[in-house]
Structure formats: structure tokens, C-alpha cells
């Protein structure tokens, strides 16, 4: 069995530093591209970003602000914000609200903050809309498989069955009046890993908005938020990761302004046992990692919380049901990439994508 491999970026951002006249190359921004069809010079294009890197939510977080008013204090406050979120929704941190909810399963309700309550509500809404394909009650399965961590292996079938029996999201009881959450069956566990990074990206966006910053790149291990426009008013140029190659290889690019781009892919966290790849996205119906021919799903929309949940939901739903689901979702586009290098996309994503890799072809 090969060791786990972690590639935290679900999509590669190739950031051209042409806008930083005379500033040289900024290696911290080598992942976002600033190319645009607008070539008009603008004095604001010389703004050099101030950035910081954090490690939280078991992933690398990069935030870069394109504003001369940005200071290190802003990044201290962003770090505090991230720690506060982790301290509320972490499944493994014993002091967190979600940990307390899980540890009291089958015993008593636990009062949580407004933020945690609303995030679990949103997760349950996606569970209902996808008929359980998105499921925040799979905490035991996530712990059992342990994918992305040292020592991961295929669990015994009886252990998978037992963990899956504790994954009924209908048994998550929400009390709006008291903001209490109760897991009705002892041993149940909530996991918000499929929505939490998106929630954190939105929280950083809202913080930057409140500070008056209009141009930034927020990157939580592949959950990208391109805030506003680039300095000078140009669009951000975002590369879509080739799921069959190392980070830095794209199949093409899209241009966006004030959008979030989130990818779920089989290359992010996985292990190989007896020649078979087991990736981290679990099918709540079977208790096993999804194996449906999809390599990655990319979502483009306004809110990263939704994009995070949607990328997982569509991955589990599969291409046909996923496309039907997303076409009914306003202001949202999606791209499926298969192991056979076929592309399935919403009409809007097709229009956005400047495909540069001829090995990949549209199949719809």
C-alpha cells in the first residue's frame, strides 16, 4: 500500500505578475493569473499585494489583499477568525461545538452558536435536496476511512456497515428556538468537512468587505474566492487543474470577477491499496469512496459555502443527475472531468472555458 498523498489545490491558479510593474515575480501569487483582454494601462495595476499563509482545517490557507491600506493586523484578525471557526465546527477538536454535539449523541441536546447552527442547517438543506448524497452525518465513516492521513487503509466491511448505520441525517434534530442540536442515536457524528472550508472562505470575504478591501484572492486548499476584480478592473484568470497531472497543469482557463471557484477531485486526498485508488469523497449510500468515473467537479458561483457543498454533491450524484441538479441552481456553473478525459459542463461553463489542452474534449 502506498502512503497517502495530499494535494490541497483542486484547481490551479496561475497568477501573472504583469500587473506588478517593476516589482518582479511574487512566488506567493504564482497560482493566479491576471491575464485579461483589457490591455488599458491603469496606475492601480501597480498595487503590490500583501499576503499571509496559514495552516488550518488540515489545509494550507493563502490570502492576498491588493490594497496599499492592508496591514499585518488585518491578517492577525483573519487568523483569529479562522481559529474561531475551527473552534466551533471541527470534528476532532475536543473543545469545539461540533465535537460536543457528537459526544452527547443519544444523550442530550447541545446549545451552539448562531454560526454553527446555521451552517448545520445549510448542510441539512443540501442533504434533503440531494436525497442524502450530501450527508453531514457521516462523521464515523470519515474517521474510519481516515483518508488523507498516515495509515489509511480499507476498513473491514463490518466496520463500514456499522459506521454507515450511524449516518442517518434525518436523526439530526435542530431546535431553532434554543439553537440546540441533538443527535438522536448514540454514536452518531456530524462532519462538516464538505462545507466548512467554503464557509471559512465566505467569512474571510465578508471580513475583507467590511474593511473596505475590494480586490483579493482567498485560497483555502482549492476553495478559491476571487474577490472583486484585479487591480485596474481586469478579470481574474483562473486555471482549471488537469486532474491527471501534478499541480500546475491546467486544461484551460476561465475569467471571473467576484466569484468563488471550488473543485472536488480524486487527486486531492487518497491512498492506494492492492493497486486500487481510494479517494476521500465518500458515498453515504455505500459507505465506500465514490468510484463513478469522475476525476473532478468544479463549481463557479457567488458563495463558497454553496460551492463547497455543491462540488461534493455533484461528485456523488454523478454526471447525469448532477447536471440536472445544477441547471436548476441559479447563477451557478459546473464542470465535470472524467477519468477518460471527457468534459461535461453546464452551458455557462462551456462559454467561460478557454480550453488549452486538446486531450480533453466535451462530451455534452
Protein backbone atom coordinates (compact mmCIF):
# COMPACT_ATOMS: atom_id res chain seq x y z
CA UNK A 1 0.00 0.00 0.00
CA UNK A 2 1.37 3.39 -0.95
CA UNK A 3 1.40 6.25 1.52
CA UNK A 4 -1.32 8.88 1.35
CA UNK A 5 -0.67 11.80 -0.88
CA UNK A 6 -2.15 15.22 -0.24
CA UNK A 7 -2.56 17.74 -2.99
CA UNK A 8 -4.51 20.56 -1.46
CA UNK A 9 -5.39 22.52 -4.55
CA UNK A 10 -8.37 21.24 -6.51
CA UNK A 11 -7.72 23.82 -9.17
CA UNK A 12 -4.56 25.60 -10.13
CA UNK A 13 -4.39 29.37 -10.13
CA UNK A 14 -1.76 30.81 -12.45
CA UNK A 15 -1.30 34.47 -11.49
CA UNK A 16 0.61 36.58 -13.96
CA UNK A 17 2.53 39.36 -12.30
CA UNK A 18 2.48 41.62 -15.35
CA UNK A 19 0.25 43.93 -13.34
CA UNK A 20 3.05 44.44 -10.82
CA UNK A 21 5.19 46.67 -12.99
CA UNK A 22 8.76 46.73 -11.74
CA UNK A 23 8.01 44.51 -8.75
CA UNK A 24 9.38 41.26 -10.13
CA UNK A 25 7.91 37.84 -9.54
CA UNK A 26 5.85 37.19 -6.45
CA UNK A 27 6.09 33.44 -5.82
CA UNK A 28 3.15 33.56 -3.44
CA UNK A 29 0.96 34.57 -6.35
CA UNK A 30 2.25 32.09 -8.86
CA UNK A 31 -1.09 30.35 -8.81
CA UNK A 32 -3.49 33.01 -10.01
CA UNK A 33 -3.39 34.51 -13.41
CA UNK A 34 -4.15 38.10 -14.13
CA UNK A 35 -4.43 37.88 -17.88
CA UNK A 36 -7.29 39.85 -19.38
CA UNK A 37 -8.46 41.08 -22.73
CA UNK A 38 -8.36 44.60 -21.31
CA UNK A 39 -4.90 45.98 -22.00
CA UNK A 40 -5.55 49.56 -20.96
CA UNK A 41 -2.90 50.81 -18.56
CA UNK A 42 -4.04 51.83 -15.10
CA UNK A 43 -1.98 53.23 -12.26
CA UNK A 44 -3.80 50.97 -9.80
CA UNK A 45 -2.28 47.94 -11.55
CA UNK A 46 1.00 48.59 -9.71
CA UNK A 47 -0.57 47.71 -6.34
CA UNK A 48 1.58 45.04 -4.72
CA UNK A 49 -0.43 42.51 -2.72
CA UNK A 50 0.12 41.85 0.93
CA UNK A 51 -0.37 38.19 1.78
CA UNK A 52 -0.20 35.62 4.52
CA UNK A 53 -0.26 31.83 4.72
CA UNK A 54 -1.94 29.83 7.48
CA UNK A 55 -2.40 26.14 8.18
CA UNK A 56 -5.84 25.32 9.50
CA UNK A 57 -8.70 22.91 8.71
CA UNK A 58 -5.93 20.44 7.82
CA UNK A 59 -5.08 22.55 4.79
CA UNK A 60 -2.93 25.47 3.64
CA UNK A 61 -4.75 28.81 3.52
CA UNK A 62 -3.42 31.71 1.45
CA UNK A 63 -4.93 35.19 1.49
CA UNK A 64 -3.62 38.09 -0.62
CA UNK A 65 -5.05 41.58 -0.46
CA UNK A 66 -4.48 44.05 -3.32
CA UNK A 67 -4.71 47.29 -1.39
CA UNK A 68 -2.00 49.60 -0.05
CA UNK A 69 -4.01 50.02 3.16
CA UNK A 70 -3.66 46.34 4.11
CA UNK A 71 -1.54 45.69 7.21
CA UNK A 72 -0.33 42.69 9.18
CA UNK A 73 -3.03 43.44 11.74
CA UNK A 74 -5.64 42.53 9.15
CA UNK A 75 -4.05 39.12 8.74
CA UNK A 76 -3.90 38.68 12.50
CA UNK A 77 -7.64 39.28 12.56
CA UNK A 78 -8.19 36.85 9.67
CA UNK A 79 -6.20 34.21 11.56
CA UNK A 80 -8.30 34.81 14.67
CA UNK A 81 -11.42 34.47 12.53
CA UNK A 82 -10.24 31.13 11.13
CA UNK A 83 -9.34 29.85 14.59
CA UNK A 84 -12.77 30.84 15.86
CA UNK A 85 -14.46 28.91 13.03
CA UNK A 86 -12.27 25.87 13.63
CA UNK A 87 -13.04 26.11 17.33
CA UNK A 88 -16.73 25.81 16.54
CA UNK A 89 -17.06 23.32 13.68
CA UNK A 90 -14.05 20.98 13.98
CA UNK A 91 -14.99 17.31 14.35
CA UNK A 92 -11.73 16.44 16.12
CA UNK A 93 -11.07 19.43 18.38
CA UNK A 94 -12.43 18.40 21.78
CA UNK A 95 -13.41 21.93 22.75
CA UNK A 96 -15.40 22.60 19.57
CA UNK A 97 -19.17 22.85 19.44
CA UNK A 98 -19.48 20.06 16.87
CA UNK A 99 -17.29 17.77 18.97
CA UNK A 100 -19.57 18.41 21.93
CA UNK A 101 -22.67 17.72 19.83
CA UNK A 102 -21.14 14.42 18.71
CA UNK A 103 -20.00 13.40 22.19
CA UNK A 104 -23.53 13.96 23.52
CA UNK A 105 -25.19 11.92 20.77
CA UNK A 106 -28.10 9.86 22.08
CA UNK A 107 -27.82 11.61 25.45
CA UNK A 108 -28.74 15.28 25.35
CA UNK A 109 -29.01 18.32 23.07
CA UNK A 110 -26.13 20.78 22.91
CA UNK A 111 -26.57 24.52 22.54
CA UNK A 112 -24.33 26.00 19.83
CA UNK A 113 -23.59 29.43 18.39
CA UNK A 114 -25.77 31.01 15.71
CA UNK A 115 -22.99 30.44 13.16
CA UNK A 116 -22.66 26.72 13.85
CA UNK A 117 -26.41 26.21 13.94
CA UNK A 118 -26.92 27.96 10.61
CA UNK A 119 -24.08 26.01 8.95
CA UNK A 120 -25.52 22.67 10.09
CA UNK A 121 -28.93 23.86 8.85
CA UNK A 122 -27.45 24.59 5.44
CA UNK A 123 -25.72 21.21 5.35
CA UNK A 124 -29.02 19.51 6.16
CA UNK A 125 -30.74 21.52 3.44
CA UNK A 126 -28.27 20.12 0.90
CA UNK A 127 -28.80 16.65 2.34
CA UNK A 128 -32.54 16.95 1.74
CA UNK A 129 -32.15 18.46 -1.73
CA UNK A 130 -29.76 15.72 -2.83
CA UNK A 131 -31.67 12.90 -1.11
CA UNK A 132 -28.72 12.18 1.13
CA UNK A 133 -25.96 12.23 -1.48
CA UNK A 134 -24.58 15.14 0.53
CA UNK A 135 -24.65 14.00 4.14
CA UNK A 136 -23.27 15.83 7.20
CA UNK A 137 -23.90 12.76 9.39
CA UNK A 138 -21.01 10.67 8.01
CA UNK A 139 -18.55 11.60 10.74
CA UNK A 140 -17.99 7.97 11.71
CA UNK A 141 -17.25 6.97 8.13
CA UNK A 142 -14.79 9.84 7.72
CA UNK A 143 -13.00 8.81 10.90
CA UNK A 144 -12.99 5.14 9.94
CA UNK A 145 -11.52 5.65 6.46
CA UNK A 146 -9.09 8.34 7.67
CA UNK A 147 -8.23 9.22 4.06
CA UNK A 148 -5.55 11.88 3.73
CA UNK A 149 -3.78 10.77 6.90
CA UNK A 150 -0.97 8.34 7.59
CA UNK A 151 -2.04 4.72 7.97
CA UNK A 152 -5.23 4.94 5.92
CA UNK A 153 -6.40 1.59 4.61
CA UNK A 154 -9.59 -0.17 3.56
CA UNK A 155 -11.57 -0.92 6.74
CA UNK A 156 -13.26 -4.25 7.39
CA UNK A 157 -16.67 -4.48 5.76
CA UNK A 158 -18.46 -4.97 9.09
CA UNK A 159 -16.92 -1.76 10.45
CA UNK A 160 -18.06 0.15 7.36
CA UNK A 161 -21.57 -1.24 7.77
CA UNK A 162 -21.65 -0.28 11.44
CA UNK A 163 -20.41 3.27 10.75
CA UNK A 164 -22.88 3.69 7.90
CA UNK A 165 -25.73 2.64 10.20
CA UNK A 166 -24.95 5.77 12.24
CA UNK A 167 -25.14 8.11 9.24
CA UNK A 168 -28.85 8.92 9.01
CA UNK A 169 -29.05 12.70 8.68
CA UNK A 170 -32.80 12.55 9.45
CA UNK A 171 -31.78 11.86 13.06
CA UNK A 172 -30.11 15.26 13.44
CA UNK A 173 -32.62 17.25 15.46
CA UNK A 174 -32.47 21.05 15.20
CA UNK A 175 -34.20 23.33 17.72
CA UNK A 176 -34.40 26.82 16.22
CA UNK A 177 -35.74 28.41 19.40
CA UNK A 178 -32.88 27.26 21.63
CA UNK A 179 -30.20 26.75 18.94
CA UNK A 180 -29.66 23.24 20.24
CA UNK A 181 -28.57 20.28 18.13
CA UNK A 182 -29.36 16.73 19.16
CA UNK A 183 -28.16 13.53 17.51
CA UNK A 184 -30.89 11.05 18.29
CA UNK A 185 -28.81 7.86 18.08
CA UNK A 186 -25.86 7.31 20.38
CA UNK A 187 -22.57 7.16 18.48
CA UNK A 188 -23.67 9.43 15.63
CA UNK A 189 -21.23 12.11 14.48
CA UNK A 190 -21.54 15.23 12.34
CA UNK A 191 -18.73 16.08 9.91
CA UNK A 192 -18.71 19.45 8.13
CA UNK A 193 -15.57 18.85 6.08
CA UNK A 194 -17.51 19.09 2.82
CA UNK A 195 -18.82 22.57 3.56
CA UNK A 196 -16.54 24.07 6.21
CA UNK A 197 -13.76 25.44 4.01
CA UNK A 198 -16.30 27.18 1.81
CA UNK A 199 -17.90 28.67 4.91
CA UNK A 200 -14.49 29.95 6.04
CA UNK A 201 -13.80 31.47 2.60
CA UNK A 202 -17.11 33.35 2.78
CA UNK A 203 -16.24 34.57 6.28
CA UNK A 204 -12.90 35.95 5.07
CA UNK A 205 -14.67 37.59 2.11
CA UNK A 206 -17.15 39.28 4.46
CA UNK A 207 -14.34 40.46 6.72
CA UNK A 208 -12.45 41.99 3.78
CA UNK A 209 -15.65 43.61 2.56
CA UNK A 210 -16.22 45.17 5.97
CA UNK A 211 -12.66 46.54 5.89
CA UNK A 212 -13.28 48.17 2.52
CA UNK A 213 -10.95 45.91 0.51
CA UNK A 214 -12.31 45.26 -2.97
CA UNK A 215 -9.58 43.12 -4.56
CA UNK A 216 -8.21 39.90 -3.06
CA UNK A 217 -7.51 36.23 -3.63
CA UNK A 218 -8.70 33.85 -0.92
CA UNK A 219 -7.46 30.27 -1.26
CA UNK A 220 -8.37 27.54 1.18
CA UNK A 221 -6.73 24.48 -0.29
CA UNK A 222 -8.58 24.67 -3.59
CA UNK A 223 -11.57 26.67 -2.39
CA UNK A 224 -10.83 29.87 -4.27
CA UNK A 225 -12.60 33.20 -3.87
CA UNK A 226 -11.53 35.83 -6.41
CA UNK A 227 -12.84 38.93 -4.65
CA UNK A 228 -13.87 41.77 -6.88
CA UNK A 229 -11.69 42.48 -9.89
CA UNK A 230 -7.95 42.58 -10.26
CA UNK A 231 -6.32 45.95 -9.65
CA UNK A 232 -7.10 48.05 -12.70
CA UNK A 233 -10.53 46.46 -13.12
CA UNK A 234 -9.43 43.42 -15.08
CA UNK A 235 -10.82 39.91 -14.63
CA UNK A 236 -9.05 37.19 -12.70
CA UNK A 237 -7.82 34.38 -14.94
CA UNK A 238 -8.29 31.02 -13.22
CA UNK A 239 -6.71 27.82 -14.45
CA UNK A 240 -8.70 24.58 -14.15
CA UNK A 241 -6.47 21.80 -12.83
CA UNK A 242 -5.75 18.80 -15.03
CA UNK A 243 -6.78 16.01 -12.61
CA UNK A 244 -4.43 13.57 -14.30
CA UNK A 245 -1.29 15.62 -13.72
CA UNK A 246 0.63 17.35 -10.97
CA UNK A 247 -0.46 20.73 -9.69
CA UNK A 248 0.35 23.50 -12.14
CA UNK A 249 -1.03 21.75 -15.22
CA UNK A 250 -4.35 23.06 -16.45
CA UNK A 251 -6.87 22.00 -19.08
CA UNK A 252 -7.83 25.61 -19.70
CA UNK A 253 -8.79 28.87 -18.02
CA UNK A 254 -11.84 30.88 -17.08
CA UNK A 255 -12.14 34.61 -16.41
CA UNK A 256 -14.15 35.72 -13.40
CA UNK A 257 -14.83 38.70 -11.17
CA UNK A 258 -16.15 38.40 -7.62
CA UNK A 259 -16.77 34.66 -7.89
CA UNK A 260 -15.78 31.57 -5.99
CA UNK A 261 -14.32 28.55 -7.77
CA UNK A 262 -14.28 25.24 -5.90
CA UNK A 263 -13.10 21.85 -7.11
CA UNK A 264 -13.53 18.40 -5.60
CA UNK A 265 -11.18 15.84 -7.14
CA UNK A 266 -9.88 12.34 -6.66
CA UNK A 267 -6.31 13.67 -6.64
CA UNK A 268 -6.75 15.79 -3.51
CA UNK A 269 -6.52 13.09 -0.81
CA UNK A 270 -6.27 9.38 -1.45
CA UNK A 271 -4.42 6.17 -0.81
CA UNK A 272 -3.71 3.15 -2.99
CA UNK A 273 -4.22 -0.40 -1.75
CA UNK A 274 -3.71 -3.51 -3.87
CA UNK A 275 -3.44 -1.33 -6.95
CA UNK A 276 -6.78 0.44 -6.41
CA UNK A 277 -7.12 4.14 -5.65
CA UNK A 278 -9.42 5.14 -2.79
CA UNK A 279 -10.16 8.86 -2.78
CA UNK A 280 -11.65 10.90 0.05
CA UNK A 281 -15.19 11.63 -1.21
CA UNK A 282 -17.43 9.03 0.41
CA UNK A 283 -20.75 7.75 -0.90
CA UNK A 284 -23.21 7.84 2.03
CA UNK A 285 -25.25 5.15 0.31
CA UNK A 286 -22.49 2.53 0.32
CA UNK A 287 -20.05 3.76 2.93
CA UNK A 288 -17.22 3.46 0.40
CA UNK A 289 -15.35 6.14 -1.59
CA UNK A 290 -17.17 7.20 -4.75
CA UNK A 291 -15.96 5.35 -7.85
CA UNK A 292 -18.08 6.56 -10.77
CA UNK A 293 -15.53 7.53 -13.40
CA UNK A 294 -15.38 11.19 -12.36
CA UNK A 295 -11.98 12.76 -11.71
CA UNK A 296 -13.12 16.20 -10.59
CA UNK A 297 -16.06 18.57 -10.32
CA UNK A 298 -15.60 22.35 -10.43
CA UNK A 299 -18.26 24.84 -9.32
CA UNK A 300 -18.37 28.57 -10.09
CA UNK A 301 -20.86 30.67 -8.15
CA UNK A 302 -21.17 33.58 -5.73
CA UNK A 303 -20.91 31.93 -2.31
CA UNK A 304 -18.15 29.50 -1.40
CA UNK A 305 -20.24 27.67 1.21
CA UNK A 306 -22.63 26.66 -1.55
CA UNK A 307 -19.83 25.86 -3.99
CA UNK A 308 -18.16 23.59 -1.43
CA UNK A 309 -21.36 21.65 -0.77
CA UNK A 310 -22.23 21.53 -4.46
CA UNK A 311 -18.88 20.18 -5.63
CA UNK A 312 -19.24 17.24 -3.25
CA UNK A 313 -22.93 16.77 -4.01
CA UNK A 314 -22.42 16.64 -7.76
CA UNK A 315 -19.44 14.32 -7.44
CA UNK A 316 -21.62 11.80 -5.60
CA UNK A 317 -24.72 12.40 -7.75
CA UNK A 318 -22.77 11.65 -10.91
CA UNK A 319 -22.83 13.40 -14.27
CA UNK A 320 -26.41 12.94 -15.43
CA UNK A 321 -28.15 13.70 -12.13
CA UNK A 322 -25.54 16.30 -11.23
CA UNK A 323 -26.09 18.31 -14.40
CA UNK A 324 -29.85 18.20 -13.88
CA UNK A 325 -29.41 19.39 -10.31
CA UNK A 326 -27.07 22.24 -11.16
CA UNK A 327 -29.06 23.53 -14.11
CA UNK A 328 -31.86 24.27 -11.62
CA UNK A 329 -29.44 26.18 -9.35
CA UNK A 330 -29.41 29.94 -10.13
CA UNK A 331 -26.17 31.75 -11.03
CA UNK A 332 -24.11 28.57 -10.76
CA UNK A 333 -21.98 26.73 -13.32
CA UNK A 334 -20.31 23.32 -13.15
CA UNK A 335 -17.69 21.27 -14.97
CA UNK A 336 -17.24 17.50 -14.67
CA UNK A 337 -13.95 15.94 -15.79
CA UNK A 338 -13.89 12.16 -16.21
CA UNK A 339 -11.06 9.67 -15.97
CA UNK A 340 -11.42 9.22 -19.74
CA UNK A 341 -10.64 12.94 -20.23
CA UNK A 342 -14.19 13.85 -21.20
CA UNK A 343 -15.74 17.15 -20.18
CA UNK A 344 -19.37 17.60 -19.19
CA UNK A 345 -20.39 21.16 -18.44
CA UNK A 346 -23.30 23.48 -17.93
CA UNK A 347 -23.90 25.81 -20.86
CA UNK A 348 -22.48 28.75 -18.93
CA UNK A 349 -19.26 26.94 -18.04
CA UNK A 350 -18.76 25.97 -21.69
CA UNK A 351 -18.97 29.63 -22.61
CA UNK A 352 -16.46 30.60 -19.92
CA UNK A 353 -13.85 27.91 -20.53
CA UNK A 354 -10.89 28.69 -22.77
CA UNK A 355 -9.73 25.11 -23.27
CA UNK A 356 -6.00 24.80 -23.92
CA UNK A 357 -5.48 21.04 -23.61
CA UNK A 358 -6.66 19.12 -26.67
CA UNK A 359 -6.52 15.82 -24.78
CA UNK A 360 -9.79 16.83 -23.14
CA UNK A 361 -12.96 17.03 -25.23
CA UNK A 362 -16.55 17.98 -24.49
CA UNK A 363 -18.98 15.07 -24.41
CA UNK A 364 -22.20 17.05 -23.98
